[in-house]
C-alpha atoms as a PDB file:
ATOM      1  CA  MET A   1       0.027   0.060  -0.071  1.00  0.00           C
ATOM      2  CA  GLN A   2       2.682   2.436   0.925  1.00  0.00           C
ATOM      3  CA  HIS A   3       4.909   1.547  -2.360  1.00  0.00           C
ATOM      4  CA  ASN A   4       1.748   2.718  -4.549  1.00  0.00           C
ATOM      5  CA  ASP A   5       1.320   5.799  -2.634  1.00  0.00           C
ATOM      6  CA  LEU A   6       5.134   6.661  -3.219  1.00  0.00           C
ATOM      7  CA  LEU A   7       4.909   5.876  -6.925  1.00  0.00           C
ATOM      8  CA  THR A   8       1.691   8.022  -7.021  1.00  0.00           C
ATOM      9  CA  LEU A   9       3.289  10.990  -5.506  1.00  0.00           C
ATOM     10  CA  ARG A  10       6.272  10.588  -7.689  1.00  0.00           C
ATOM     11  CA  ALA A  11       4.199  10.720 -10.747  1.00  0.00           C
ATOM     12  CA  GLN A  12       2.157  13.742  -9.701  1.00  0.00           C
ATOM     13  CA  LEU A  13       5.389  15.530  -8.739  1.00  0.00           C
ATOM     14  CA  ALA A  14       6.850  14.735 -12.399  1.00  0.00           C
ATOM     15  CA  LYS A  15       3.667  15.882 -13.923  1.00  0.00           C
ATOM     16  CA  ALA A  16       3.670  19.083 -11.797  1.00  0.00           C
ATOM     17  CA  GLU A  17       7.233  19.774 -12.795  1.00  0.00           C
ATOM     18  CA  LYS A  18       6.598  19.032 -16.673  1.00  0.00           C
ATOM     19  CA  GLU A  19       3.467  21.481 -16.342  1.00  0.00           C
ATOM     20  CA  ALA A  20       5.671  24.126 -14.920  1.00  0.00           C
ATOM     21  CA  ARG A  21       8.216  23.726 -17.553  1.00  0.00           C
ATOM     22  CA  ARG A  22       5.392  24.320 -20.448  1.00  0.00           C
ATOM     23  CA  THR A  23       3.908  27.505 -18.848  1.00  0.00           C
ATOM     24  CA  PRO A  24       5.898  30.503 -20.483  1.00  0.00           C
ATOM     25  CA  LYS A  25       7.437  32.764 -18.003  1.00  0.00           C
ATOM     26  CA  THR A  26       6.985  36.418 -18.275  1.00  0.00           C
ATOM     27  CA  PRO A  27      10.266  38.137 -19.252  1.00  0.00           C
ATOM     28  CA  PRO A  28      11.875  40.358 -16.892  1.00  0.00           C
ATOM     29  CA  PRO A  29      11.066  44.064 -17.442  1.00  0.00           C
ATOM     30  CA  PRO A  30      13.770  45.996 -19.443  1.00  0.00           C
ATOM     31  CA  PRO A  31      16.213  47.986 -17.320  1.00  0.00           C
ATOM     32  CA  ALA A  32      15.101  51.633 -16.914  1.00  0.00           C
ATOM     33  CA  ALA A  33      17.004  53.765 -19.566  1.00  0.00           C
ATOM     34  CA  LYS A  34      19.308  56.469 -18.077  1.00  0.00           C
ATOM     35  CA  PRO A  35      17.683  59.890 -18.588  1.00  0.00           C
ATOM     36  CA  VAL A  36      19.180  61.777 -21.597  1.00  0.00           C
ATOM     37  CA  LYS A  37      20.734  65.358 -20.771  1.00  0.00           C
ATOM     38  CA  PRO A  38      18.851  68.239 -22.179  1.00  0.00           C
ATOM     39  CA  GLN A  39      21.599  69.277 -24.524  1.00  0.00           C
ATOM     40  CA  ARG A  40      21.954  65.586 -25.830  1.00  0.00           C
ATOM     41  CA  GLU A  41      18.192  65.659 -26.310  1.00  0.00           C
ATOM     42  CA  ALA A  42      18.402  69.038 -28.310  1.00  0.00           C
ATOM     43  CA  ASP A  43      21.600  67.590 -30.516  1.00  0.00           C
ATOM     44  CA  LEU A  44      19.830  64.574 -31.345  1.00  0.00           C
ATOM     45  CA  ALA A  45      16.595  66.188 -32.586  1.00  0.00           C
ATOM     46  CA  GLY A  46      15.621  65.253 -36.109  1.00  0.00           C
ATOM     47  CA  ILE A  47      17.823  61.971 -35.661  1.00  0.00           C
ATOM     48  CA  ASP A  48      15.797  58.587 -36.244  1.00  0.00           C
ATOM     49  CA  THR A  49      17.204  55.669 -34.115  1.00  0.00           C
ATOM     50  CA  ARG A  50      14.267  53.349 -34.015  1.00  0.00           C
ATOM     51  CA  ASP A  51      15.155  49.845 -34.456  1.00  0.00           C
ATOM     52  CA  HIS A  52      12.396  49.289 -37.278  1.00  0.00           C
ATOM     53  CA  THR A  53      14.074  52.089 -39.338  1.00  0.00           C
ATOM     54  CA  LEU A  54      17.713  51.066 -38.890  1.00  0.00           C
ATOM     55  CA  ALA A  55      17.072  47.474 -39.701  1.00  0.00           C
ATOM     56  CA  ARG A  56      15.394  48.716 -43.042  1.00  0.00           C
ATOM     57  CA  ALA A  57      18.151  51.116 -43.930  1.00  0.00           C
ATOM     58  CA  HIS A  58      20.858  48.669 -43.129  1.00  0.00           C
ATOM     59  CA  ALA A  59      19.074  46.077 -45.639  1.00  0.00           C
ATOM     60  CA  ARG A  60      18.983  48.663 -48.143  1.00  0.00           C
ATOM     61  CA  LEU A  61      22.815  49.366 -47.512  1.00  0.00           C
ATOM     62  CA  ARG A  62      23.771  46.104 -48.003  1.00  0.00           C
ATOM     63  CA  ASP A  63      21.569  45.547 -51.353  1.00  0.00           C
ATOM     64  CA  ALA A  64      23.241  48.794 -52.741  1.00  0.00           C
ATOM     65  CA  ILE A  65      26.902  47.562 -51.644  1.00  0.00           C
ATOM     66  CA  LEU A  66      26.197  44.337 -53.178  1.00  0.00           C
ATOM     67  CA  ASP A  67      24.862  45.643 -56.519  1.00  0.00           C
ATOM     68  CA  GLY A  68      27.686  48.097 -56.635  1.00  0.00           C
ATOM     69  CA  HIS A  69      25.631  51.092 -56.532  1.00  0.00           C
ATOM     70  CA  TYR A  70      27.943  53.185 -54.337  1.00  0.00           C
ATOM     71  CA  ASP A  71      30.508  55.697 -54.969  1.00  0.00           C
ATOM     72  CA  VAL A  72      33.456  56.481 -52.346  1.00  0.00           C
ATOM     73  CA  ARG A  73      33.932  60.250 -52.329  1.00  0.00           C
ATOM     74  CA  PRO A  74      37.177  61.972 -51.897  1.00  0.00           C
ATOM     75  CA  HIS A  75      36.489  63.280 -48.393  1.00  0.00           C
ATOM     76  CA  ALA A  76      36.261  59.286 -47.316  1.00  0.00           C
ATOM     77  CA  VAL A  77      39.517  58.656 -49.330  1.00  0.00           C
ATOM     78  CA  GLY A  78      41.287  61.575 -47.649  1.00  0.00           C
ATOM     79  CA  HIS A  79      40.266  60.305 -44.132  1.00  0.00           C
ATOM     80  CA  ALA A  80      41.176  57.006 -45.021  1.00  0.00           C
ATOM     81  CA  ARG A  81      44.638  57.875 -46.049  1.00  0.00           C
ATOM     82  CA  ALA A  82      45.030  59.982 -42.875  1.00  0.00           C
ATOM     83  CA  GLU A  83      43.830  57.866 -40.423  1.00  0.00           C
ATOM     84  CA  GLY A  84      45.401  54.601 -41.574  1.00  0.00           C
ATOM     85  CA  PHE A  85      42.336  52.590 -42.945  1.00  0.00           C
ATOM     86  CA  LEU A  86      41.570  51.362 -46.707  1.00  0.00           C
ATOM     87  CA  GLU A  87      38.461  51.296 -48.773  1.00  0.00           C
ATOM     88  CA  HIS A  88      37.975  47.509 -48.060  1.00  0.00           C
ATOM     89  CA  ASP A  89      37.633  48.631 -44.542  1.00  0.00           C
ATOM     90  CA  ILE A  90      34.977  51.040 -45.164  1.00  0.00           C
ATOM     91  CA  LEU A  91      33.183  48.379 -47.306  1.00  0.00           C
ATOM     92  CA  HIS A  92      33.570  45.869 -44.592  1.00  0.00           C
ATOM     93  CA  VAL A  93      31.920  48.220 -42.056  1.00  0.00           C
ATOM     94  CA  LEU A  94      29.118  48.899 -44.422  1.00  0.00           C
ATOM     95  CA  MET A  95      28.370  45.317 -44.636  1.00  0.00           C
ATOM     96  CA  SER A  96      28.915  43.994 -41.344  1.00  0.00           C
ATOM     97  CA  GLY A  97      28.444  47.163 -39.183  1.00  0.00           C
ATOM     98  CA  ARG A  98      25.192  48.654 -37.804  1.00  0.00           C
ATOM     99  CA  VAL A  99      23.199  51.730 -38.854  1.00  0.00           C
ATOM    100  CA  LYS A 100      22.974  53.637 -35.609  1.00  0.00           C
ATOM    101  CA  ALA A 101      21.272  56.875 -36.998  1.00  0.00           C
ATOM    102  CA  VAL A 102      19.361  58.004 -40.066  1.00  0.00           C
ATOM    103  CA  TYR A 103      19.127  61.706 -40.596  1.00  0.00           C
ATOM    104  CA  PRO A 104      16.165  62.247 -42.718  1.00  0.00           C
ATOM    105  CA  GLU A 105      16.731  65.880 -43.469  1.00  0.00           C
ATOM    106  CA  ASP A 106      20.120  65.234 -44.852  1.00  0.00           C
ATOM    107  CA  ARG A 107      19.248  61.872 -46.289  1.00  0.00           C
ATOM    108  CA  ARG A 108      22.381  60.478 -44.520  1.00  0.00           C
ATOM    109  CA  TRP A 109      22.960  57.400 -42.437  1.00  0.00           C
ATOM    110  CA  LEU A 110      25.606  56.726 -39.894  1.00  0.00           C
ATOM    111  CA  VAL A 111      27.083  53.125 -39.996  1.00  0.00           C
ATOM    112  CA  CYS A 112      29.276  51.959 -37.082  1.00  0.00           C
ATOM    113  CA  GLY A 113      31.644  48.995 -37.197  1.00  0.00           C
ATOM    114  CA  THR A 114      35.241  47.998 -36.840  1.00  0.00           C
ATOM    115  CA  PHE A 115      38.201  47.171 -38.852  1.00  0.00           C
ATOM    116  CA  GLU A 116      41.445  45.230 -37.964  1.00  0.00           C
ATOM    117  CA  ALA A 117      44.942  46.652 -37.811  1.00  0.00           C
ATOM    118  CA  HIS A 118      47.708  44.713 -36.637  1.00  0.00           C
ATOM    119  CA  GLY A 119      45.659  42.472 -34.453  1.00  0.00           C
ATOM    120  CA  PHE A 120      43.477  45.204 -32.807  1.00  0.00           C
ATOM    121  CA  ARG A 121      39.826  45.991 -33.643  1.00  0.00           C
ATOM    122  CA  ILE A 122      39.397  49.913 -33.930  1.00  0.00           C
ATOM    123  CA  PRO A 123      36.145  51.428 -34.327  1.00  0.00           C
ATOM    124  CA  LEU A 124      35.072  53.037 -37.619  1.00  0.00           C
ATOM    125  CA  HIS A 125      32.276  55.140 -38.432  1.00  0.00           C
ATOM    126  CA  VAL A 126      30.970  55.700 -41.900  1.00  0.00           C
ATOM    127  CA  VAL A 127      28.403  58.400 -43.221  1.00  0.00           C
ATOM    128  CA  VAL A 128      26.555  57.407 -46.357  1.00  0.00           C
ATOM    129  CA  GLU A 129      24.229  59.923 -48.269  1.00  0.00           C
ATOM    130  CA  VAL A 130      21.028  58.102 -49.972  1.00  0.00           C
ATOM    131  CA  HIS A 131      19.902  59.152 -53.405  1.00  0.00           C
ATOM    132  CA  GLU A 132      16.111  57.778 -53.235  1.00  0.00           C
ATOM    133  CA  ARG A 133      15.700  58.219 -57.083  1.00  0.00           C
ATOM    134  CA  ASP A 134      18.307  55.944 -58.659  1.00  0.00           C
ATOM    135  CA  HIS A 135      19.087  53.982 -55.346  1.00  0.00           C
ATOM    136  CA  TRP A 136      22.623  55.312 -55.324  1.00  0.00           C
ATOM    137  CA  MET A 137      24.832  55.790 -52.312  1.00  0.00           C
ATOM    138  CA  ASP A 138      27.594  58.049 -51.822  1.00  0.00           C
ATOM    139  CA  ILE A 139      29.995  57.272 -49.063  1.00  0.00           C
ATOM    140  CA  VAL A 140      30.606  60.936 -47.840  1.00  0.00           C
ATOM    141  CA  THR A 141      33.013  60.223 -45.131  1.00  0.00           C
ATOM    142  CA  ALA A 142      34.677  57.897 -42.637  1.00  0.00           C
ATOM    143  CA  PHE A 143      36.678  58.170 -39.536  1.00  0.00           C
ATOM    144  CA  VAL A 144      37.933  56.878 -36.488  1.00  0.00           C
ATOM    145  CA  PRO A 145      35.625  58.412 -33.666  1.00  0.00           C
ATOM    146  CA  LYS A 146      36.685  59.619 -30.443  1.00  0.00           C
ATOM    147  CA  ASN A 147      33.482  58.451 -28.644  1.00  0.00           C
ATOM    148  CA  PRO A 148      32.699  55.429 -30.792  1.00  0.00           C
ATOM    149  CA  HIS A 149      29.255  54.448 -28.964  1.00  0.00           C
ATOM    150  CA  HIS A 150      27.829  57.699 -29.370  1.00  0.00           C
ATOM    151  CA  VAL A 151      25.599  58.712 -32.222  1.00  0.00           C
ATOM    152  CA  ILE A 152      26.850  61.909 -33.812  1.00  0.00           C
ATOM    153  CA  SER A 153      24.640  64.995 -33.648  1.00  0.00           C
ATOM    154  CA  ARG A 154      23.711  66.764 -36.999  1.00  0.00           C
ATOM    155  CA  ALA A 155      25.598  69.881 -35.913  1.00  0.00           C
ATOM    156  CA  ARG A 156      28.813  67.865 -35.408  1.00  0.00           C
ATOM    157  CA  LEU A 157      28.430  65.825 -38.669  1.00  0.00           C
ATOM    158  CA  ALA A 158      27.996  69.191 -40.422  1.00  0.00           C
ATOM    159  CA  VAL A 159      31.066  70.390 -38.705  1.00  0.00           C
ATOM    160  CA  LEU A 160      33.102  67.547 -39.576  1.00  0.00           C
ATOM    161  CA  LEU A 161      32.318  67.623 -43.164  1.00  0.00           C
ATOM    162  CA  ARG A 162      32.438  71.369 -43.851  1.00  0.00           C
ATOM    163  CA  TRP A 163      35.739  72.244 -41.833  1.00  0.00           C
ATOM    164  CA  ASP A 164      37.703  69.321 -43.477  1.00  0.00           C
ATOM    165  CA  ASN A 165      36.825  70.756 -46.836  1.00  0.00           C
ATOM    166  CA  GLU A 166      37.596  67.819 -48.529  1.00  0.00           C
ATOM    167  CA  GLN A 167      41.352  68.645 -47.918  1.00  0.00           C
ATOM    168  CA  VAL A 168      42.613  66.295 -45.398  1.00  0.00           C
ATOM    169  CA  GLN A 169      46.214  66.614 -44.177  1.00  0.00           C
ATOM    170  CA  HIS A 170      48.060  63.397 -44.942  1.00  0.00           C
ATOM    171  CA  ARG A 171      51.596  62.317 -46.548  1.00  0.00           C
ATOM    172  CA  THR A 172      53.120  59.019 -47.665  1.00  0.00           C
ATOM    173  CA  ALA A 173      56.261  58.196 -45.923  1.00  0.00           C
ATOM    174  CA  THR A 174      59.065  57.040 -48.000  1.00  0.00           C
ATOM    175  CA  PRO A 175      61.320  54.079 -46.636  1.00  0.00           C
ATOM    176  CA  GLY A 176      64.831  54.971 -45.196  1.00  0.00           C
ATOM    177  CA  ASN A 177      66.415  58.411 -44.591  1.00  0.00           C
ATOM    178  CA  LYS A 178      65.495  61.582 -46.383  1.00  0.00           C
ATOM    179  CA  PRO A 179      67.996  63.063 -48.764  1.00  0.00           C
ATOM    180  CA  GLY A 180      70.654  65.447 -47.267  1.00  0.00           C
ATOM    181  CA  ASN A 181      70.409  64.057 -43.550  1.00  0.00           C
ATOM    182  CA  ARG A 182      73.572  62.354 -42.238  1.00  0.00           C
ATOM    183  CA  SER A 183      72.248  59.143 -40.541  1.00  0.00           C
ATOM    184  CA  LYS A 184      71.126  56.216 -42.344  1.00  0.00           C
ATOM    185  CA  GLY A 185      67.706  56.140 -40.636  1.00  0.00           C
ATOM    186  CA  HIS A 186      68.829  53.732 -37.867  1.00  0.00           C
ATOM    187  CA  TRP A 187      68.926  54.283 -34.116  1.00  0.00           C
ATOM    188  CA  ARG A 188      71.644  55.663 -32.468  1.00  0.00           C
ATOM    189  CA  LYS A 189      73.309  52.922 -30.144  1.00  0.00           C
ATOM    190  CA  GLY A 190      73.756  55.510 -27.360  1.00  0.00           C
ATOM    191  CA  ALA A 191      70.513  56.562 -26.895  1.00  0.00           C
END
């Protein structure tokens, strides 16, 4: 008699555990977002950061890159030379990075990603201008950001594009020593 009661209890316990696993658990509420400073809120006015918009933008971006409907502007090439990344790195960011912000008034998108240099992953931001009529995209600029996790305000983006004036300072280093210098370009032993 006691043996049957024990089997019945075990069966009921197993049934209750199985039922508990089947019922969906309510997910915990998302953590409360930090309040945004009023100045930051004013800076981000007119910038769309909704997930749905960003996902659609990234799908269009990938299609344009795969179809070859893009052009790398001289400003982006100048930044690439000055900051040590290549056009290949820009395209890698556009394919694998994330669209962080859509600037509807300017028809521009900010894409964030990383490129690899000497074993280090370095953040890279790329700004793309979208032409709706012909589904063409201009890669306006690309740069290594000071704050890689922040969305850039429209004012900061305008300053970046205006003050560079498509003339970024860069030079190509020649191997060895410059003509007229005495040393052979080696380190001094006594230093």
